[in-house]
Amino acid sequence: MSITGLPFDDFRTLIDNLPGPMTQALVDARDRDKQLTKPPGSLGRLEEIAFWLAAWTGRKPAVNRPLVAIFAGNHGVTRQKITPYPPEVTKQMVANFSNGGAAINQICATNDLGLKVFDLALDYPTGDITEEAALSERDCAATMAFGMESIAGGTDLLCIGEMGIGNTTIAAAINLALYGGTAEDWVGPGTGSEGDVLERKIRAVEKAVEFHKDHLSDPLEILRRLGGREIAAMAGAILAARVERIPVIIDGYVATAAAAILKAANPSALDHCLIGHVSAEPGHLRAIEKLGKTPILALGMRLGEGTGAALAATIVRSAAACHTGMATFETAGVSNKS
C-alpha cells in the first residue's frame, strides 16, 4: 500500500493492525450451544450469528444497546443531473429523521433501537467526481475520524446507514473502481433515476473512474477521490467498532461501498460485520458477493437510512436471546440424545 501523505498514515496503520476475534468466547459459545434444548443446527444461521457475537464481543452473546447511526452528506456530482431529486432533499430528510417522521424512526421505535443522525457539512457538497476529487486527503481523514466518534456513549451493536442525494452514483463509481466491469454493471435507479437521468448517471460514473484512473490502486485514494463524507464517516465508524470490539451490521448499497474500501485495504477488515439485507439496487448483490458475505434479509428494499440494517438487528438480537436464554438439557430436565 503506497503512502500518499500524513493525514492517512494513522488509518493505514490502524487498518493493517486490526484486532482479531476472541477465541475462548467462541469456544464457550459453541460448547453451550451443544447443551441447549434443541437438535444441533436446528436454529440454522441464528446459531452462527450467536457465535459471531461471542467472538467479537468476548462474552456471552447479548445485544443490550443497539444503535443505528445515519450519516448524511451531499455530493457535487449531482450537478451532472444524475438524480430526479435536488440535493436539498438530504437536509430535509435529516430534519425528518430528527422529527421522527421517517421509516427508520418507526423501525427503531418499534424495536427499541437507538438512533443517531450525523449531518456532515450538508451546505458544502463534495467535489464533482467527474472533474475533481471528492475530498482532499486531509478532509477525508478528518471525516473518517468524525465517523469513529459515532460510537461515543456506548453501544454493543452498531447498524450503519446513510442519507445523501446522489450517493448511489458514488457507490457505483467506488465499485467500478474496485472491481472493474462496466458502469452499467453497478449503476441502478437509486432514488428513481430513469431514462435520460439514468443515462447521465451511467456516463458520470464512467467519466469519474476514467478521470481518476491513475490513482485507483490505493483504496483510501478511491475513498477520497470517488467517495463522499458519509462514505468516509461510515468507514471510520466500522473501524472504530472493530477496535472497540463492537459487532456491525451494514445496510444497503451505499454503506456496502464504504465497507468495500476497508475490505480492499485489509481482507479481514469486515470480519466483525454482517450485511443486513440485499437491496433492490441492482449492483448490491454483486457487491455483497465481492465481499464474500451473505445478507440476513431480502425484502426488496432500497430506501437506505439504515432500514435494512435495523431490521436485521432484530434477527441478531433474537439469535443472542435464544443462545443465552434457552435452557440446557440438564437444567430443563429434558433427555439429551444418547
Protein backbone atom coordinates (compact mmCIF):
# COMPACT_ATOMS: atom_id res chain seq x y z
CA MET A 1 0.00 0.00 0.00
CA SER A 2 1.50 3.32 -1.05
CA ILE A 3 1.92 6.20 1.36
CA THR A 4 0.39 9.40 -0.01
CA GLY A 5 0.77 11.77 2.91
CA LEU A 6 0.37 12.34 6.61
CA PRO A 7 -3.43 12.54 7.00
CA PHE A 8 -3.99 8.90 6.04
CA ASP A 9 -0.96 7.47 7.84
CA ASP A 10 -2.72 6.68 11.11
CA PHE A 11 -5.57 5.00 9.25
CA ARG A 12 -3.17 2.86 7.24
CA THR A 13 -1.53 1.70 10.47
CA LEU A 14 -4.89 1.01 12.07
CA ILE A 15 -6.20 -0.94 9.08
CA ASP A 16 -3.03 -3.03 8.98
CA ASN A 17 -3.26 -3.92 12.69
CA LEU A 18 -6.89 -4.76 13.39
CA PRO A 19 -7.71 -6.92 16.43
CA GLY A 20 -8.98 -10.42 15.78
CA PRO A 21 -11.82 -12.44 17.33
CA MET A 22 -11.83 -13.69 20.91
CA THR A 23 -11.25 -17.40 20.51
CA GLN A 24 -12.18 -18.53 24.02
CA ALA A 25 -15.55 -16.78 23.91
CA LEU A 26 -16.27 -18.53 20.61
CA VAL A 27 -15.32 -21.91 22.07
CA ASP A 28 -17.54 -21.29 25.09
CA ALA A 29 -20.48 -20.34 22.89
CA ARG A 30 -20.11 -23.45 20.76
CA ASP A 31 -19.91 -25.62 23.87
CA ARG A 32 -23.07 -24.08 25.31
CA ASP A 33 -24.92 -24.47 22.04
CA LYS A 34 -24.38 -28.24 22.21
CA GLN A 35 -26.25 -28.32 25.53
CA LEU A 36 -29.30 -26.26 24.56
CA THR A 37 -32.72 -27.88 24.31
CA LYS A 38 -32.78 -28.27 20.53
CA PRO A 39 -31.31 -30.56 17.91
CA PRO A 40 -27.83 -29.45 16.82
CA GLY A 41 -28.04 -26.95 13.99
CA SER A 42 -31.81 -26.61 14.20
CA LEU A 43 -31.68 -22.82 14.56
CA GLY A 44 -29.63 -22.58 11.40
CA ARG A 45 -27.96 -19.25 10.82
CA LEU A 46 -29.15 -17.93 14.19
CA GLU A 47 -26.58 -20.19 15.78
CA GLU A 48 -23.78 -18.81 13.60
CA ILE A 49 -24.84 -15.26 14.43
CA ALA A 50 -24.69 -16.05 18.15
CA PHE A 51 -21.18 -17.44 17.70
CA TRP A 52 -20.18 -14.33 15.75
CA LEU A 53 -21.43 -12.10 18.56
CA ALA A 54 -19.45 -14.05 21.13
CA ALA A 55 -16.28 -13.98 19.05
CA TRP A 56 -16.32 -10.22 18.52
CA THR A 57 -17.50 -9.10 21.95
CA GLY A 58 -15.57 -11.64 24.02
CA ARG A 59 -18.61 -12.52 26.14
CA LYS A 60 -21.86 -14.43 26.05
CA PRO A 61 -23.97 -13.35 23.07
CA ALA A 62 -26.08 -10.33 24.02
CA VAL A 63 -27.40 -7.15 22.44
CA ASN A 64 -28.32 -4.62 25.10
CA ARG A 65 -27.62 -1.24 23.47
CA PRO A 66 -28.13 -1.46 19.70
CA LEU A 67 -27.56 1.75 17.76
CA VAL A 68 -28.48 2.85 14.26
CA ALA A 69 -26.11 5.57 13.05
CA ILE A 70 -27.12 7.50 9.93
CA PHE A 71 -24.52 9.62 8.15
CA ALA A 72 -25.75 12.30 5.75
CA GLY A 73 -23.69 14.01 3.06
CA ASN A 74 -24.14 15.92 -0.18
CA HIS A 75 -22.33 15.38 -3.46
CA GLY A 76 -21.08 17.71 -6.14
CA VAL A 77 -21.76 15.11 -8.81
CA THR A 78 -25.45 16.00 -8.60
CA ARG A 79 -24.54 18.93 -10.86
CA GLN A 80 -24.46 16.34 -13.62
CA LYS A 81 -28.24 15.90 -13.20
CA ILE A 82 -27.93 12.23 -12.27
CA THR A 83 -30.91 12.14 -9.90
CA PRO A 84 -34.50 13.39 -10.08
CA TYR A 85 -34.25 14.89 -6.58
CA PRO A 86 -32.34 18.07 -5.69
CA PRO A 87 -29.56 17.91 -3.06
CA GLU A 88 -31.73 19.98 -0.70
CA VAL A 89 -33.66 16.78 -0.01
CA THR A 90 -30.72 15.48 2.03
CA LYS A 91 -31.09 18.27 4.59
CA GLN A 92 -34.87 17.97 4.51
CA MET A 93 -34.66 14.25 5.27
CA VAL A 94 -32.23 14.87 8.13
CA ALA A 95 -34.89 17.17 9.60
CA ASN A 96 -37.44 14.42 9.02
CA PHE A 97 -35.26 11.98 10.96
CA SER A 98 -34.98 14.49 13.80
CA ASN A 99 -38.75 14.95 13.83
CA GLY A 100 -39.43 11.20 13.92
CA GLY A 101 -41.15 11.09 10.54
CA ALA A 102 -39.00 8.69 8.52
CA ALA A 103 -39.25 4.93 8.08
CA ILE A 104 -36.13 4.40 10.18
CA ASN A 105 -37.77 6.21 13.10
CA GLN A 106 -40.69 3.80 13.07
CA ILE A 107 -38.43 0.74 12.86
CA CYS A 108 -36.22 1.97 15.70
CA ALA A 109 -39.18 2.88 17.91
CA THR A 110 -40.91 -0.43 17.30
CA ASN A 111 -37.82 -2.49 18.05
CA ASP A 112 -36.19 -0.42 20.82
CA LEU A 113 -33.16 0.61 18.79
CA GLY A 114 -31.15 3.74 19.49
CA LEU A 115 -30.80 6.26 16.66
CA LYS A 116 -28.19 8.93 15.94
CA VAL A 117 -28.09 11.14 12.85
CA PHE A 118 -24.90 12.88 11.72
CA ASP A 119 -25.10 15.91 9.43
CA LEU A 120 -21.82 16.09 7.51
CA ALA A 121 -21.50 19.66 6.21
CA LEU A 122 -24.59 19.44 4.03
CA ASP A 123 -24.22 23.05 2.89
CA TYR A 124 -20.82 22.19 1.38
CA PRO A 125 -21.13 19.38 -1.19
CA THR A 126 -18.05 17.37 -2.08
CA GLY A 127 -16.23 17.98 -5.33
CA ASP A 128 -17.82 16.76 -8.55
CA ILE A 129 -16.05 13.43 -9.04
CA THR A 130 -16.30 13.71 -12.82
CA GLU A 131 -13.94 16.72 -12.68
CA GLU A 132 -12.04 16.63 -9.39
CA ALA A 133 -11.52 14.65 -6.21
CA ALA A 134 -14.48 14.48 -3.87
CA LEU A 135 -12.30 15.35 -0.87
CA SER A 136 -8.76 16.30 -0.04
CA GLU A 137 -6.79 13.71 1.89
CA ARG A 138 -6.94 15.91 4.98
CA ASP A 139 -10.71 16.36 4.77
CA CYS A 140 -11.29 12.66 4.09
CA ALA A 141 -9.15 11.62 7.07
CA ALA A 142 -10.90 14.15 9.32
CA THR A 143 -14.30 12.83 8.25
CA MET A 144 -13.22 9.25 8.94
CA ALA A 145 -12.12 10.38 12.40
CA PHE A 146 -15.51 12.03 12.90
CA GLY A 147 -17.19 8.75 11.97
CA MET A 148 -15.11 6.97 14.57
CA GLU A 149 -16.68 9.18 17.23
CA SER A 150 -20.16 7.90 16.36
CA ILE A 151 -19.83 5.08 18.90
CA ALA A 152 -19.14 7.51 21.75
CA GLY A 153 -21.64 6.95 24.51
CA GLY A 154 -21.59 3.21 24.12
CA THR A 155 -23.26 0.55 22.02
CA ASP A 156 -22.86 -3.19 21.64
CA LEU A 157 -24.29 -3.49 18.11
CA LEU A 158 -23.75 -0.78 15.50
CA CYS A 159 -26.00 -0.51 12.45
CA ILE A 160 -24.68 1.91 9.85
CA GLY A 161 -26.85 3.70 7.31
CA GLU A 162 -26.78 6.85 5.23
CA MET A 163 -28.67 9.63 3.51
CA GLY A 164 -27.36 11.57 0.55
CA ILE A 165 -28.89 12.54 -2.77
CA GLY A 166 -26.55 11.25 -5.46
CA ASN A 167 -24.77 8.69 -3.32
CA THR A 168 -25.77 5.61 -5.31
CA THR A 169 -23.78 7.22 -8.13
CA ILE A 170 -20.87 7.43 -5.70
CA ALA A 171 -21.32 3.80 -4.64
CA ALA A 172 -21.38 2.67 -8.27
CA ALA A 173 -18.16 4.57 -9.01
CA ILE A 174 -16.42 3.02 -5.99
CA ASN A 175 -17.48 -0.48 -7.03
CA LEU A 176 -16.39 0.08 -10.62
CA ALA A 177 -13.00 1.31 -9.39
CA LEU A 178 -12.57 -1.63 -7.02
CA TYR A 179 -13.94 -4.48 -9.09
CA GLY A 180 -14.00 -3.42 -12.73
CA GLY A 181 -16.65 -4.35 -15.25
CA THR A 182 -18.78 -1.65 -16.81
CA ALA A 183 -20.67 1.26 -15.33
CA GLU A 184 -23.90 -0.49 -16.33
CA ASP A 185 -22.93 -3.37 -14.02
CA TRP A 186 -23.00 -1.06 -11.00
CA VAL A 187 -25.44 1.76 -11.77
CA GLY A 188 -29.10 1.40 -10.79
CA PRO A 189 -32.10 3.67 -10.32
CA GLY A 190 -31.21 4.86 -6.82
CA THR A 191 -33.89 7.40 -5.88
CA GLY A 192 -35.73 6.81 -9.13
CA SER A 193 -33.35 7.66 -11.96
CA GLU A 194 -34.64 6.50 -15.32
CA GLY A 195 -34.47 7.43 -18.98
CA ASP A 196 -32.11 10.32 -19.68
CA VAL A 197 -31.36 10.75 -15.98
CA LEU A 198 -30.19 7.14 -15.70
CA GLU A 199 -28.11 7.53 -18.84
CA ARG A 200 -26.41 10.61 -17.39
CA LYS A 201 -25.76 8.65 -14.20
CA ILE A 202 -24.03 5.88 -16.15
CA ARG A 203 -21.94 8.37 -18.10
CA ALA A 204 -20.98 10.21 -14.90
CA VAL A 205 -19.68 7.02 -13.31
CA GLU A 206 -17.70 6.17 -16.44
CA LYS A 207 -16.24 9.67 -16.62
CA ALA A 208 -15.32 9.76 -12.94
CA VAL A 209 -13.46 6.46 -12.95
CA GLU A 210 -11.68 7.38 -16.16
CA PHE A 211 -10.72 10.81 -14.78
CA HIS A 212 -9.16 9.28 -11.63
CA LYS A 213 -7.83 6.08 -13.21
CA ASP A 214 -4.18 6.77 -12.39
CA HIS A 215 -4.89 6.91 -8.63
CA LEU A 216 -7.18 3.93 -8.05
CA SER A 217 -4.72 1.28 -6.89
CA ASP A 218 -4.95 2.57 -3.30
CA PRO A 219 -8.31 2.01 -1.54
CA LEU A 220 -8.03 5.17 0.54
CA GLU A 221 -7.38 7.18 -2.60
CA ILE A 222 -10.52 5.64 -4.11
CA LEU A 223 -12.38 6.74 -1.00
CA ARG A 224 -11.25 10.36 -1.11
CA ARG A 225 -11.45 10.77 -4.88
CA LEU A 226 -14.71 8.95 -5.63
CA GLY A 227 -16.40 8.85 -2.22
CA GLY A 228 -18.18 11.34 -0.03
CA ARG A 229 -18.37 12.47 3.55
CA GLU A 230 -20.96 9.91 4.57
CA ILE A 231 -18.89 7.18 2.91
CA ALA A 232 -15.75 8.24 4.77
CA ALA A 233 -17.63 8.55 8.06
CA MET A 234 -19.14 5.07 7.70
CA ALA A 235 -15.69 3.64 7.01
CA GLY A 236 -14.43 5.34 10.16
CA ALA A 237 -17.35 4.01 12.20
CA ILE A 238 -16.68 0.45 11.04
CA LEU A 239 -13.01 0.80 12.00
CA ALA A 240 -13.80 2.24 15.43
CA ALA A 241 -16.24 -0.57 16.08
CA ARG A 242 -13.56 -3.12 15.26
CA VAL A 243 -11.10 -1.54 17.67
CA GLU A 244 -13.75 -1.46 20.42
CA ARG A 245 -15.00 -4.98 19.60
CA ILE A 246 -18.47 -3.84 18.62
CA PRO A 247 -20.20 -6.02 16.00
CA VAL A 248 -21.52 -4.11 12.99
CA ILE A 249 -24.48 -4.55 10.65
CA ILE A 250 -24.03 -2.86 7.29
CA ASP A 251 -27.09 -1.53 5.50
CA GLY A 252 -27.56 -1.16 1.74
CA TYR A 253 -25.66 -0.41 -1.44
CA VAL A 254 -24.01 2.81 -0.28
CA ALA A 255 -22.98 1.50 3.15
CA THR A 256 -21.62 -1.62 1.47
CA ALA A 257 -19.45 0.55 -0.78
CA ALA A 258 -17.95 2.21 2.29
CA ALA A 259 -17.22 -1.20 3.77
CA ALA A 260 -15.70 -2.39 0.50
CA ILE A 261 -12.97 0.25 0.79
CA LEU A 262 -11.83 -1.31 4.06
CA LYS A 263 -12.02 -4.85 2.69
CA ALA A 264 -9.80 -3.79 -0.23
CA ALA A 265 -7.26 -2.40 2.22
CA ASN A 266 -7.30 -5.44 4.53
CA PRO A 267 -9.08 -8.69 3.61
CA SER A 268 -10.06 -9.29 7.28
CA ALA A 269 -11.38 -5.77 7.89
CA LEU A 270 -15.05 -6.79 7.77
CA ASP A 271 -14.89 -9.99 9.80
CA HIS A 272 -16.81 -8.23 12.61
CA CYS A 273 -19.55 -7.16 10.16
CA LEU A 274 -22.74 -8.67 8.79
CA ILE A 275 -24.69 -7.43 5.78
CA GLY A 276 -28.19 -6.57 6.97
CA HIS A 277 -30.04 -7.07 3.72
CA VAL A 278 -29.71 -7.24 -0.03
CA SER A 279 -31.40 -4.23 -1.52
CA ALA A 280 -33.29 -3.92 -4.79
CA GLU A 281 -30.47 -1.77 -6.17
CA PRO A 282 -29.11 -3.99 -8.97
CA GLY A 283 -25.43 -3.76 -8.04
CA HIS A 284 -25.88 -4.56 -4.37
CA LEU A 285 -25.96 -8.34 -4.61
CA ARG A 286 -22.90 -8.28 -6.84
CA ALA A 287 -21.12 -6.06 -4.32
CA ILE A 288 -22.07 -8.33 -1.42
CA GLU A 289 -20.72 -11.33 -3.29
CA LYS A 290 -17.43 -9.49 -3.82
CA LEU A 291 -17.21 -9.10 -0.05
CA GLY A 292 -17.88 -12.82 0.48
CA LYS A 293 -20.91 -12.11 2.65
CA THR A 294 -24.46 -13.47 2.87
CA PRO A 295 -27.19 -10.93 3.68
CA ILE A 296 -29.55 -11.62 6.56
CA LEU A 297 -32.70 -10.34 4.84
CA ALA A 298 -34.01 -9.93 1.30
CA LEU A 299 -37.10 -7.74 1.40
CA GLY A 300 -36.81 -5.87 -1.90
CA MET A 301 -35.99 -2.62 -0.06
CA ARG A 302 -33.83 0.21 -1.41
CA LEU A 303 -34.58 3.10 0.93
CA GLY A 304 -31.25 3.43 2.71
CA GLU A 305 -31.25 5.36 6.01
CA GLY A 306 -30.25 2.18 7.86
CA THR A 307 -33.63 0.49 7.48
CA GLY A 308 -32.35 -2.91 6.35
CA ALA A 309 -29.62 -2.99 8.99
CA ALA A 310 -32.12 -2.02 11.69
CA LEU A 311 -34.50 -4.82 10.73
CA ALA A 312 -31.59 -7.27 10.66
CA ALA A 313 -30.67 -6.16 14.18
CA THR A 314 -33.90 -7.72 15.40
CA ILE A 315 -32.70 -11.06 14.00
CA VAL A 316 -29.32 -10.65 15.67
CA ARG A 317 -30.98 -9.85 18.99
CA SER A 318 -33.17 -12.91 18.65
CA ALA A 319 -30.11 -15.06 17.96
CA ALA A 320 -28.46 -13.77 21.13
CA ALA A 321 -31.61 -14.27 23.20
CA CYS A 322 -32.06 -17.84 22.04
CA HIS A 323 -28.47 -18.73 22.81
CA THR A 324 -28.36 -17.07 26.21
CA GLY A 325 -31.92 -17.61 27.42
CA MET A 326 -32.66 -21.16 26.35
CA ALA A 327 -32.43 -23.87 28.97
CA THR A 328 -29.90 -26.65 28.68
CA PHE A 329 -30.98 -30.27 28.64
CA GLU A 330 -29.74 -30.58 32.22
CA THR A 331 -31.50 -27.53 33.66
CA ALA A 332 -34.75 -28.26 31.84
CA GLY A 333 -34.78 -31.94 32.75
CA VAL A 334 -35.01 -32.90 29.07
CA SER A 335 -33.31 -36.06 27.86
CA ASN A 336 -30.45 -35.40 25.51
CA LYS A 337 -29.59 -37.70 22.62
CA SER A 338 -27.88 -40.88 23.72
